Structure formats: structure tokens, C-alpha cells
Amino acid sequence: MPKTDFDGLPDVVRTFRPRCPGCTPAKVIEPGARPCSFYECSGLPKGLEVTCDLCMYDFVAEDGQVKCDQTTCETALRLKGNVENYRTWLRLIEAECTGHN
């Protein structure tokens, strides 16, 4: 079986599925869907955290009120580092939803 970019995701990220009331994998990949905030999504792994809990800046959509120097803030650097994992995870969810996995 060929190795996919999904294989590079940490296990906890690769196996995570939304469990919030009313949330489904299909809703997660809808156009315009926003990344979950880790304090709102139960069990969201650290590797999928992309929204700052202090200023609510969304590093995937690059939207919000930045309240730090994103080049030195440890939280900002960690969250920016998660963006590619998040995008790859969305592709995994989409592949599952469309049957292309």
C-alpha cells in the first residue's frame, strides 16, 4: 500500500473525529467552515489547535485580532506549526466523506 501524506500525521490527529453535538465530519469540510477552538471542541488534539485562546486569532483563516508578536510568541509559533497538520487532517476527513481514502 503506498504511503500517503495522511501517514505523516500523529496517530492522535489521524484518528480524531469531531464529537461536539451537531458536528459531523461533513460539516467540518463544508466551504467556509472555521477551525474548531480547542476550548470548544472536546478532545481536540494539541496537533489540531489552530485558534489562539487568548486573542481568538485563527491561523488557518488568518483572521482575528492579533495581540502578540507572532514571530516570538510561543503560542503563536506552536499554532502556526499546526496549520499544515490541520489542512492535511481536513483532506483526510474529505477523503473519508467522499470514499476516496
PDB file of N, CA and C in Angstrom:
ATOM      1  N   MET A   1       0.855  -1.189   0.000  1.00  0.00           N
ATOM      2  CA  MET A   1       0.000   0.000   0.000  1.00  0.00           C
ATOM      3  C   MET A   1       0.893   1.241   0.000  1.00  0.00           C
ATOM      4  N   PRO A   2       0.656   2.204  -0.890  1.00  0.00           N
ATOM      5  CA  PRO A   2       1.509   3.403  -0.943  1.00  0.00           C
ATOM      6  C   PRO A   2       1.314   4.286   0.282  1.00  0.00           C
ATOM      7  N   LYS A   3       2.387   4.903   0.679  1.00  0.00           N
ATOM      8  CA  LYS A   3       2.348   5.818   1.815  1.00  0.00           C
ATOM      9  C   LYS A   3       1.678   7.126   1.371  1.00  0.00           C
ATOM     10  N   THR A   4       0.760   7.638   2.197  1.00  0.00           N
ATOM     11  CA  THR A   4       0.075   8.890   1.881  1.00  0.00           C
ATOM     12  C   THR A   4       0.560   9.974   2.836  1.00  0.00           C
ATOM     13  N   ASP A   5       0.219  11.228   2.530  1.00  0.00           N
ATOM     14  CA  ASP A   5       0.576  12.304   3.447  1.00  0.00           C
ATOM     15  C   ASP A   5      -0.191  12.160   4.756  1.00  0.00           C
ATOM     16  N   PHE A   6      -1.266  11.369   4.766  1.00  0.00           N
ATOM     17  CA  PHE A   6      -2.009  11.130   5.999  1.00  0.00           C
ATOM     18  C   PHE A   6      -1.175  10.316   6.984  1.00  0.00           C
ATOM     19  N   ASP A   7      -0.294   9.474   6.461  1.00  0.00           N
ATOM     20  CA  ASP A   7       0.548   8.641   7.316  1.00  0.00           C
ATOM     21  C   ASP A   7       1.499   9.479   8.162  1.00  0.00           C
ATOM     22  N   GLY A   8       1.802  10.695   7.715  1.00  0.00           N
ATOM     23  CA  GLY A   8       2.706  11.566   8.456  1.00  0.00           C
ATOM     24  C   GLY A   8       2.048  12.266   9.637  1.00  0.00           C
ATOM     25  N   LEU A   9       0.726  12.181   9.718  1.00  0.00           N
ATOM     26  CA  LEU A   9       0.024  12.804  10.841  1.00  0.00           C
ATOM     27  C   LEU A   9       0.245  11.987  12.110  1.00  0.00           C
ATOM     28  N   PRO A  10       0.391  12.648  13.245  1.00  0.00           N
ATOM     29  CA  PRO A  10       0.452  11.895  14.506  1.00  0.00           C
ATOM     30  C   PRO A  10      -0.822  11.058  14.664  1.00  0.00           C
ATOM     31  N   ASP A  11      -0.712   9.878  15.267  1.00  0.00           N
ATOM     32  CA  ASP A  11      -1.863   8.985  15.422  1.00  0.00           C
ATOM     33  C   ASP A  11      -3.065   9.687  16.040  1.00  0.00           C
ATOM     34  N   VAL A  12      -2.838  10.480  17.077  1.00  0.00           N
ATOM     35  CA  VAL A  12      -3.949  11.137  17.775  1.00  0.00           C
ATOM     36  C   VAL A  12      -4.677  12.116  16.850  1.00  0.00           C
ATOM     37  N   VAL A  13      -3.966  12.714  15.910  1.00  0.00           N
ATOM     38  CA  VAL A  13      -4.576  13.619  14.934  1.00  0.00           C
ATOM     39  C   VAL A  13      -5.295  12.809  13.853  1.00  0.00           C
ATOM     40  N   ARG A  14      -4.633  11.789  13.342  1.00  0.00           N
ATOM     41  CA  ARG A  14      -5.198  10.981  12.260  1.00  0.00           C
ATOM     42  C   ARG A  14      -6.503  10.292  12.675  1.00  0.00           C
ATOM     43  N   THR A  15      -6.621   9.912  13.932  1.00  0.00           N
ATOM     44  CA  THR A  15      -7.802   9.181  14.377  1.00  0.00           C
ATOM     45  C   THR A  15      -8.880  10.073  14.991  1.00  0.00           C
ATOM     46  N   PHE A  16      -8.588  11.351  15.183  1.00  0.00           N
ATOM     47  CA  PHE A  16      -9.572  12.243  15.812  1.00  0.00           C
ATOM     48  C   PHE A  16     -10.729  12.529  14.862  1.00  0.00           C
ATOM     49  N   ARG A  17     -11.935  12.470  15.401  1.00  0.00           N
ATOM     50  CA  ARG A  17     -13.142  12.863  14.681  1.00  0.00           C
ATOM     51  C   ARG A  17     -13.952  13.762  15.604  1.00  0.00           C
ATOM     52  N   PRO A  18     -14.603  14.778  15.055  1.00  0.00           N
ATOM     53  CA  PRO A  18     -15.380  15.706  15.880  1.00  0.00           C
ATOM     54  C   PRO A  18     -16.460  14.969  16.671  1.00  0.00           C
ATOM     55  N   ARG A  19     -16.606  15.380  17.938  1.00  0.00           N
ATOM     56  CA  ARG A  19     -17.612  14.760  18.801  1.00  0.00           C
ATOM     57  C   ARG A  19     -18.564  15.788  19.401  1.00  0.00           C
ATOM     58  N   CYS A  20     -18.475  17.030  18.959  1.00  0.00           N
ATOM     59  CA  CYS A  20     -19.341  18.064  19.514  1.00  0.00           C
ATOM     60  C   CYS A  20     -20.782  17.820  19.061  1.00  0.00           C
ATOM     61  N   PRO A  21     -21.762  18.156  19.903  1.00  0.00           N
ATOM     62  CA  PRO A  21     -23.161  17.984  19.488  1.00  0.00           C
ATOM     63  C   PRO A  21     -23.436  18.732  18.185  1.00  0.00           C
ATOM     64  N   GLY A  22     -24.024  18.033  17.246  1.00  0.00           N
ATOM     65  CA  GLY A  22     -24.378  18.649  15.972  1.00  0.00           C
ATOM     66  C   GLY A  22     -23.262  18.721  14.957  1.00  0.00           C
ATOM     67  N   CYS A  23     -22.044  18.404  15.351  1.00  0.00           N
ATOM     68  CA  CYS A  23     -20.915  18.465  14.422  1.00  0.00           C
ATOM     69  C   CYS A  23     -20.729  17.096  13.777  1.00  0.00           C
ATOM     70  N   THR A  24     -20.395  17.109  12.525  1.00  0.00           N
ATOM     71  CA  THR A  24     -20.118  15.874  11.792  1.00  0.00           C
ATOM     72  C   THR A  24     -18.882  16.100  10.926  1.00  0.00           C
ATOM     73  N   PRO A  25     -18.241  15.034  10.495  1.00  0.00           N
ATOM     74  CA  PRO A  25     -17.115  15.223   9.571  1.00  0.00           C
ATOM     75  C   PRO A  25     -17.515  16.017   8.328  1.00  0.00           C
ATOM     76  N   ALA A  26     -18.719  15.806   7.815  1.00  0.00           N
ATOM     77  CA  ALA A  26     -19.157  16.549   6.629  1.00  0.00           C
ATOM     78  C   ALA A  26     -19.242  18.043   6.905  1.00  0.00           C
ATOM     79  N   LYS A  27     -19.662  18.430   8.102  1.00  0.00           N
ATOM     80  CA  LYS A  27     -19.739  19.853   8.450  1.00  0.00           C
ATOM     81  C   LYS A  27     -18.350  20.475   8.552  1.00  0.00           C
ATOM     82  N   VAL A  28     -17.389  19.692   9.000  1.00  0.00           N
ATOM     83  CA  VAL A  28     -16.025  20.181   9.173  1.00  0.00           C
ATOM     84  C   VAL A  28     -15.413  20.599   7.841  1.00  0.00           C
ATOM     85  N   ILE A  29     -15.799  19.922   6.756  1.00  0.00           N
ATOM     86  CA  ILE A  29     -15.196  20.207   5.449  1.00  0.00           C
ATOM     87  C   ILE A  29     -16.070  21.091   4.565  1.00  0.00           C
ATOM     88  N   GLU A  30     -17.208  21.582   5.078  1.00  0.00           N
ATOM     89  CA  GLU A  30     -18.052  22.477   4.290  1.00  0.00           C
ATOM     90  C   GLU A  30     -17.285  23.741   3.930  1.00  0.00           C
ATOM     91  N   PRO A  31     -17.538  24.299   2.752  1.00  0.00           N
ATOM     92  CA  PRO A  31     -16.895  25.573   2.390  1.00  0.00           C
ATOM     93  C   PRO A  31     -17.209  26.634   3.446  1.00  0.00           C
ATOM     94  N   GLY A  32     -16.188  27.346   3.860  1.00  0.00           N
ATOM     95  CA  GLY A  32     -16.355  28.403   4.850  1.00  0.00           C
ATOM     96  C   GLY A  32     -16.351  27.929   6.288  1.00  0.00           C
ATOM     97  N   ALA A  33     -16.242  26.614   6.516  1.00  0.00           N
ATOM     98  CA  ALA A  33     -16.191  26.110   7.894  1.00  0.00           C
ATOM     99  C   ALA A  33     -14.943  26.647   8.575  1.00  0.00           C
ATOM    100  N   ARG A  34     -15.076  27.003   9.826  1.00  0.00           N
ATOM    101  CA  ARG A  34     -13.955  27.550  10.600  1.00  0.00           C
ATOM    102  C   ARG A  34     -13.330  26.452  11.452  1.00  0.00           C
ATOM    103  N   PRO A  35     -12.034  26.541  11.718  1.00  0.00           N
ATOM    104  CA  PRO A  35     -11.403  25.559  12.594  1.00  0.00           C
ATOM    105  C   PRO A  35     -12.007  25.612  13.995  1.00  0.00           C
ATOM    106  N   CYS A  36     -12.073  24.473  14.613  1.00  0.00           N
ATOM    107  CA  CYS A  36     -12.573  24.411  15.989  1.00  0.00           C
ATOM    108  C   CYS A  36     -11.593  25.104  16.931  1.00  0.00           C
ATOM    109  N   SER A  37     -12.139  25.741  17.928  1.00  0.00           N
ATOM    110  CA  SER A  37     -11.310  26.276  19.002  1.00  0.00           C
ATOM    111  C   SER A  37     -11.140  25.165  20.022  1.00  0.00           C
ATOM    112  N   PHE A  38      -9.929  24.962  20.497  1.00  0.00           N
ATOM    113  CA  PHE A  38      -9.666  23.809  21.343  1.00  0.00           C
ATOM    114  C   PHE A  38     -10.438  23.835  22.646  1.00  0.00           C
ATOM    115  N   TYR A  39     -10.882  24.996  23.106  1.00  0.00           N
ATOM    116  CA  TYR A  39     -11.662  25.025  24.339  1.00  0.00           C
ATOM    117  C   TYR A  39     -13.129  24.750  24.062  1.00  0.00           C
ATOM    118  N   GLU A  40     -13.538  24.710  22.794  1.00  0.00           N
ATOM    119  CA  GLU A  40     -14.930  24.426  22.438  1.00  0.00           C
ATOM    120  C   GLU A  40     -15.116  22.994  21.949  1.00  0.00           C
ATOM    121  N   CYS A  41     -14.088  22.373  21.448  1.00  0.00           N
ATOM    122  CA  CYS A  41     -14.196  21.041  20.856  1.00  0.00           C
ATOM    123  C   CYS A  41     -13.595  20.022  21.817  1.00  0.00           C
ATOM    124  N   SER A  42     -14.447  19.197  22.391  1.00  0.00           N
ATOM    125  CA  SER A  42     -13.953  18.227  23.375  1.00  0.00           C
ATOM    126  C   SER A  42     -12.999  17.237  22.730  1.00  0.00           C
ATOM    127  N   GLY A  43     -11.861  17.086  23.338  1.00  0.00           N
ATOM    128  CA  GLY A  43     -10.886  16.113  22.879  1.00  0.00           C
ATOM    129  C   GLY A  43     -10.024  16.535  21.707  1.00  0.00           C
ATOM    130  N   LEU A  44     -10.137  17.802  21.251  1.00  0.00           N
ATOM    131  CA  LEU A  44      -9.325  18.243  20.120  1.00  0.00           C
ATOM    132  C   LEU A  44      -7.847  18.070  20.471  1.00  0.00           C
ATOM    133  N   PRO A  45      -7.108  17.287  19.692  1.00  0.00           N
ATOM    134  CA  PRO A  45      -5.690  17.079  19.999  1.00  0.00           C
ATOM    135  C   PRO A  45      -4.885  18.366  19.816  1.00  0.00           C
ATOM    136  N   LYS A  46      -3.826  18.500  20.581  1.00  0.00           N
ATOM    137  CA  LYS A  46      -2.962  19.682  20.501  1.00  0.00           C
ATOM    138  C   LYS A  46      -2.470  19.914  19.073  1.00  0.00           C
ATOM    139  N   GLY A  47      -2.268  18.855  18.313  1.00  0.00           N
ATOM    140  CA  GLY A  47      -1.785  18.969  16.944  1.00  0.00           C
ATOM    141  C   GLY A  47      -2.785  19.568  15.972  1.00  0.00           C
ATOM    142  N   LEU A  48      -4.049  19.741  16.406  1.00  0.00           N
ATOM    143  CA  LEU A  48      -5.066  20.369  15.560  1.00  0.00           C
ATOM    144  C   LEU A  48      -5.473  21.743  16.073  1.00  0.00           C
ATOM    145  N   GLU A  49      -4.860  22.191  17.157  1.00  0.00           N
ATOM    146  CA  GLU A  49      -5.166  23.520  17.695  1.00  0.00           C
ATOM    147  C   GLU A  49      -4.583  24.574  16.764  1.00  0.00           C
ATOM    148  N   VAL A  50      -5.454  25.444  16.216  1.00  0.00           N
ATOM    149  CA  VAL A  50      -5.006  26.492  15.296  1.00  0.00           C
ATOM    150  C   VAL A  50      -5.627  27.844  15.619  1.00  0.00           C
ATOM    151  N   THR A  51      -6.395  27.922  16.714  1.00  0.00           N
ATOM    152  CA  THR A  51      -7.018  29.168  17.124  1.00  0.00           C
ATOM    153  C   THR A  51      -6.507  29.542  18.506  1.00  0.00           C
ATOM    154  N   CYS A  52      -5.990  30.751  18.648  1.00  0.00           N
ATOM    155  CA  CYS A  52      -5.433  31.206  19.924  1.00  0.00           C
ATOM    156  C   CYS A  52      -6.557  31.405  20.937  1.00  0.00           C
ATOM    157  N   ASP A  53      -6.388  30.853  22.124  1.00  0.00           N
ATOM    158  CA  ASP A  53      -7.407  31.001  23.161  1.00  0.00           C
ATOM    159  C   ASP A  53      -7.341  32.366  23.840  1.00  0.00           C
ATOM    160  N   LEU A  54      -6.300  33.132  23.588  1.00  0.00           N
ATOM    161  CA  LEU A  54      -6.174  34.460  24.203  1.00  0.00           C
ATOM    162  C   LEU A  54      -6.758  35.557  23.318  1.00  0.00           C
ATOM    163  N   CYS A  55      -6.442  35.534  22.037  1.00  0.00           N
ATOM    164  CA  CYS A  55      -6.921  36.608  21.152  1.00  0.00           C
ATOM    165  C   CYS A  55      -7.887  36.109  20.082  1.00  0.00           C
ATOM    166  N   MET A  56      -8.120  34.799  20.041  1.00  0.00           N
ATOM    167  CA  MET A  56      -9.035  34.181  19.082  1.00  0.00           C
ATOM    168  C   MET A  56      -8.555  34.306  17.633  1.00  0.00           C
ATOM    169  N   TYR A  57      -7.270  34.560  17.427  1.00  0.00           N
ATOM    170  CA  TYR A  57      -6.740  34.613  16.075  1.00  0.00           C
ATOM    171  C   TYR A  57      -6.774  33.202  15.485  1.00  0.00           C
ATOM    172  N   ASP A  58      -7.281  33.080  14.278  1.00  0.00           N
ATOM    173  CA  ASP A  58      -7.421  31.817  13.567  1.00  0.00           C
ATOM    174  C   ASP A  58      -6.266  31.731  12.563  1.00  0.00           C
ATOM    175  N   PHE A  59      -5.334  30.837  12.809  1.00  0.00           N
ATOM    176  CA  PHE A  59      -4.142  30.743  11.974  1.00  0.00           C
ATOM    177  C   PHE A  59      -4.401  30.061  10.633  1.00  0.00           C
ATOM    178  N   VAL A  60      -5.500  29.353  10.474  1.00  0.00           N
ATOM    179  CA  VAL A  60      -5.837  28.763   9.176  1.00  0.00           C
ATOM    180  C   VAL A  60      -6.453  29.827   8.283  1.00  0.00           C
ATOM    181  N   ALA A  61      -7.441  30.542   8.807  1.00  0.00           N
ATOM    182  CA  ALA A  61      -8.110  31.588   8.022  1.00  0.00           C
ATOM    183  C   ALA A  61      -7.337  32.904   8.054  1.00  0.00           C
ATOM    184  N   GLU A  62      -6.323  32.976   8.921  1.00  0.00           N
ATOM    185  CA  GLU A  62      -5.546  34.205   9.126  1.00  0.00           C
ATOM    186  C   GLU A  62      -6.489  35.366   9.421  1.00  0.00           C
ATOM    187  N   ASP A  63      -7.320  35.158  10.458  1.00  0.00           N
ATOM    188  CA  ASP A  63      -8.354  36.117  10.792  1.00  0.00           C
ATOM    189  C   ASP A  63      -8.418  36.302  12.304  1.00  0.00           C
ATOM    190  N   GLY A  64      -8.616  37.523  12.737  1.00  0.00           N
ATOM    191  CA  GLY A  64      -8.769  37.830  14.154  1.00  0.00           C
ATOM    192  C   GLY A  64      -7.936  39.019  14.543  1.00  0.00           C
ATOM    193  N   GLN A  65      -7.965  39.324  15.817  1.00  0.00           N
ATOM    194  CA  GLN A  65      -7.227  40.455  16.367  1.00  0.00           C
ATOM    195  C   GLN A  65      -5.945  39.957  17.031  1.00  0.00           C
ATOM    196  N   VAL A  66      -4.856  40.077  16.335  1.00  0.00           N
ATOM    197  CA  VAL A  66      -3.567  39.624  16.863  1.00  0.00           C
ATOM    198  C   VAL A  66      -3.166  40.511  18.041  1.00  0.00           C
ATOM    199  N   LYS A  67      -2.778  39.879  19.135  1.00  0.00           N
ATOM    200  CA  LYS A  67      -2.376  40.631  20.323  1.00  0.00           C
ATOM    201  C   LYS A  67      -0.965  40.257  20.764  1.00  0.00           C
ATOM    202  N   CYS A  68      -0.188  39.707  19.850  1.00  0.00           N
ATOM    203  CA  CYS A  68       1.176  39.318  20.196  1.00  0.00           C
ATOM    204  C   CYS A  68       2.071  39.503  18.975  1.00  0.00           C
ATOM    205  N   ASP A  69       3.350  39.342  19.195  1.00  0.00           N
ATOM    206  CA  ASP A  69       4.306  39.297  18.095  1.00  0.00           C
ATOM    207  C   ASP A  69       4.359  37.838  17.652  1.00  0.00           C
ATOM    208  N   GLN A  70       3.762  37.533  16.521  1.00  0.00           N
ATOM    209  CA  GLN A  70       3.669  36.145  16.068  1.00  0.00           C
ATOM    210  C   GLN A  70       5.008  35.523  15.712  1.00  0.00           C
ATOM    211  N   THR A  71       6.062  36.332  15.701  1.00  0.00           N
ATOM    212  CA  THR A  71       7.392  35.775  15.416  1.00  0.00           C
ATOM    213  C   THR A  71       8.112  35.346  16.686  1.00  0.00           C
ATOM    214  N   THR A  72       7.599  35.764  17.854  1.00  0.00           N
ATOM    215  CA  THR A  72       8.252  35.399  19.108  1.00  0.00           C
ATOM    216  C   THR A  72       7.319  34.720  20.109  1.00  0.00           C
ATOM    217  N   CYS A  73       6.021  34.891  19.964  1.00  0.00           N
ATOM    218  CA  CYS A  73       5.056  34.314  20.899  1.00  0.00           C
ATOM    219  C   CYS A  73       5.068  32.787  20.777  1.00  0.00           C
ATOM    220  N   GLU A  74       5.326  32.088  21.891  1.00  0.00           N
ATOM    221  CA  GLU A  74       5.398  30.630  21.860  1.00  0.00           C
ATOM    222  C   GLU A  74       4.082  30.001  21.425  1.00  0.00           C
ATOM    223  N   THR A  75       2.965  30.562  21.885  1.00  0.00           N
ATOM    224  CA  THR A  75       1.653  30.036  21.494  1.00  0.00           C
ATOM    225  C   THR A  75       1.433  30.220  20.003  1.00  0.00           C
ATOM    226  N   ALA A  76       1.712  31.406  19.482  1.00  0.00           N
ATOM    227  CA  ALA A  76       1.533  31.670  18.052  1.00  0.00           C
ATOM    228  C   ALA A  76       2.415  30.747  17.216  1.00  0.00           C
ATOM    229  N   LEU A  77       3.645  30.555  17.617  1.00  0.00           N
ATOM    230  CA  LEU A  77       4.549  29.691  16.865  1.00  0.00           C
ATOM    231  C   LEU A  77       4.047  28.250  16.863  1.00  0.00           C
ATOM    232  N   ARG A  78       3.539  27.769  18.007  1.00  0.00           N
ATOM    233  CA  ARG A  78       3.011  26.410  18.092  1.00  0.00           C
ATOM    234  C   ARG A  78       1.769  26.270  17.204  1.00  0.00           C
ATOM    235  N   LEU A  79       0.863  27.237  17.278  1.00  0.00           N
ATOM    236  CA  LEU A  79      -0.375  27.164  16.493  1.00  0.00           C
ATOM    237  C   LEU A  79      -0.094  27.282  14.997  1.00  0.00           C
ATOM    238  N   LYS A  80       0.826  28.153  14.612  1.00  0.00           N
ATOM    239  CA  LYS A  80       1.207  28.252  13.196  1.00  0.00           C
ATOM    240  C   LYS A  80       1.802  26.929  12.717  1.00  0.00           C
ATOM    241  N   GLY A  81       2.533  26.271  13.595  1.00  0.00           N
ATOM    242  CA  GLY A  81       3.124  24.982  13.254  1.00  0.00           C
ATOM    243  C   GLY A  81       2.091  23.878  13.055  1.00  0.00           C
ATOM    244  N   ASN A  82       0.881  24.082  13.574  1.00  0.00           N
ATOM    245  CA  ASN A  82      -0.186  23.087  13.448  1.00  0.00           C
ATOM    246  C   ASN A  82      -1.020  23.250  12.179  1.00  0.00           C
ATOM    247  N   VAL A  83      -0.860  24.350  11.473  1.00  0.00           N
ATOM    248  CA  VAL A  83      -1.716  24.638  10.321  1.00  0.00           C
ATOM    249  C   VAL A  83      -1.620  23.538   9.261  1.00  0.00           C
ATOM    250  N   GLU A  84      -0.437  23.081   8.934  1.00  0.00           N
ATOM    251  CA  GLU A  84      -0.309  22.045   7.904  1.00  0.00           C
ATOM    252  C   GLU A  84      -0.945  20.735   8.366  1.00  0.00           C
ATOM    253  N   ASN A  85      -0.767  20.369   9.653  1.00  0.00           N
ATOM    254  CA  ASN A  85      -1.452  19.183  10.180  1.00  0.00           C
ATOM    255  C   ASN A  85      -2.959  19.334  10.028  1.00  0.00           C
ATOM    256  N   TYR A  86      -3.470  20.511  10.353  1.00  0.00           N
ATOM    257  CA  TYR A  86      -4.909  20.756  10.272  1.00  0.00           C
ATOM    258  C   TYR A  86      -5.402  20.602   8.833  1.00  0.00           C
ATOM    259  N   ARG A  87      -4.686  21.196   7.900  1.00  0.00           N
ATOM    260  CA  ARG A  87      -5.096  21.108   6.486  1.00  0.00           C
ATOM    261  C   ARG A  87      -5.021  19.669   5.968  1.00  0.00           C
ATOM    262  N   THR A  88      -3.985  18.948   6.374  1.00  0.00           N
ATOM    263  CA  THR A  88      -3.863  17.545   5.970  1.00  0.00           C
ATOM    264  C   THR A  88      -4.983  16.730   6.591  1.00  0.00           C
ATOM    265  N   TRP A  89      -5.310  16.999   7.852  1.00  0.00           N
ATOM    266  CA  TRP A  89      -6.412  16.309   8.526  1.00  0.00           C
ATOM    267  C   TRP A  89      -7.726  16.572   7.794  1.00  0.00           C
ATOM    268  N   LEU A  90      -7.962  17.810   7.339  1.00  0.00           N
ATOM    269  CA  LEU A  90      -9.179  18.109   6.579  1.00  0.00           C
ATOM    270  C   LEU A  90      -9.235  17.291   5.288  1.00  0.00           C
ATOM    271  N   ARG A  91      -8.088  17.133   4.617  1.00  0.00           N
ATOM    272  CA  ARG A  91      -8.060  16.314   3.399  1.00  0.00           C
ATOM    273  C   ARG A  91      -8.394  14.856   3.714  1.00  0.00           C
ATOM    274  N   LEU A  92      -7.928  14.367   4.858  1.00  0.00           N
ATOM    275  CA  LEU A  92      -8.247  13.014   5.303  1.00  0.00           C
ATOM    276  C   LEU A  92      -9.744  12.881   5.543  1.00  0.00           C
ATOM    277  N   ILE A  93     -10.331  13.827   6.244  1.00  0.00           N
ATOM    278  CA  ILE A  93     -11.776  13.786   6.518  1.00  0.00           C
ATOM    279  C   ILE A  93     -12.554  13.835   5.198  1.00  0.00           C
ATOM    280  N   GLU A  94     -12.119  14.699   4.285  1.00  0.00           N
ATOM    281  CA  GLU A  94     -12.787  14.805   2.985  1.00  0.00           C
ATOM    282  C   GLU A  94     -12.699  13.480   2.219  1.00  0.00           C
ATOM    283  N   ALA A  95     -11.539  12.853   2.250  1.00  0.00           N
ATOM    284  CA  ALA A  95     -11.370  11.572   1.558  1.00  0.00           C
ATOM    285  C   ALA A  95     -12.296  10.514   2.149  1.00  0.00           C
ATOM    286  N   GLU A  96     -12.445  10.513   3.448  1.00  0.00           N
ATOM    287  CA  GLU A  96     -13.359   9.570   4.093  1.00  0.00           C
ATOM    288  C   GLU A  96     -14.812   9.848   3.704  1.00  0.00           C
ATOM    289  N   CYS A  97     -15.178  11.117   3.694  1.00  0.00           N
ATOM    290  CA  CYS A  97     -16.565  11.508   3.375  1.00  0.00           C
ATOM    291  C   CYS A  97     -16.934  11.215   1.937  1.00  0.00           C
ATOM    292  N   THR A  98     -15.952  11.291   1.055  1.00  0.00           N
ATOM    293  CA  THR A  98     -16.234  11.076  -0.362  1.00  0.00           C
ATOM    294  C   THR A  98     -15.883   9.657  -0.817  1.00  0.00           C
ATOM    295  N   GLY A  99     -15.336   8.874   0.095  1.00  0.00           N
ATOM    296  CA  GLY A  99     -14.979   7.494  -0.241  1.00  0.00           C
ATOM    297  C   GLY A  99     -13.702   7.365  -1.037  1.00  0.00           C
ATOM    298  N   HIS A 100     -12.842   8.388  -0.992  1.00  0.00           N
ATOM    299  CA  HIS A 100     -11.575   8.362  -1.738  1.00  0.00           C
ATOM    300  C   HIS A 100     -10.375   8.137  -0.845  1.00  0.00           C
ATOM    301  N   ASN A 101     -10.491   7.314   0.161  1.00  0.00           N
ATOM    302  CA  ASN A 101      -9.340   7.095   1.058  1.00  0.00           C
ATOM    303  C   ASN A 101      -8.613   5.838   0.766  1.00  0.00           C
TER     304      ASN A 101
END
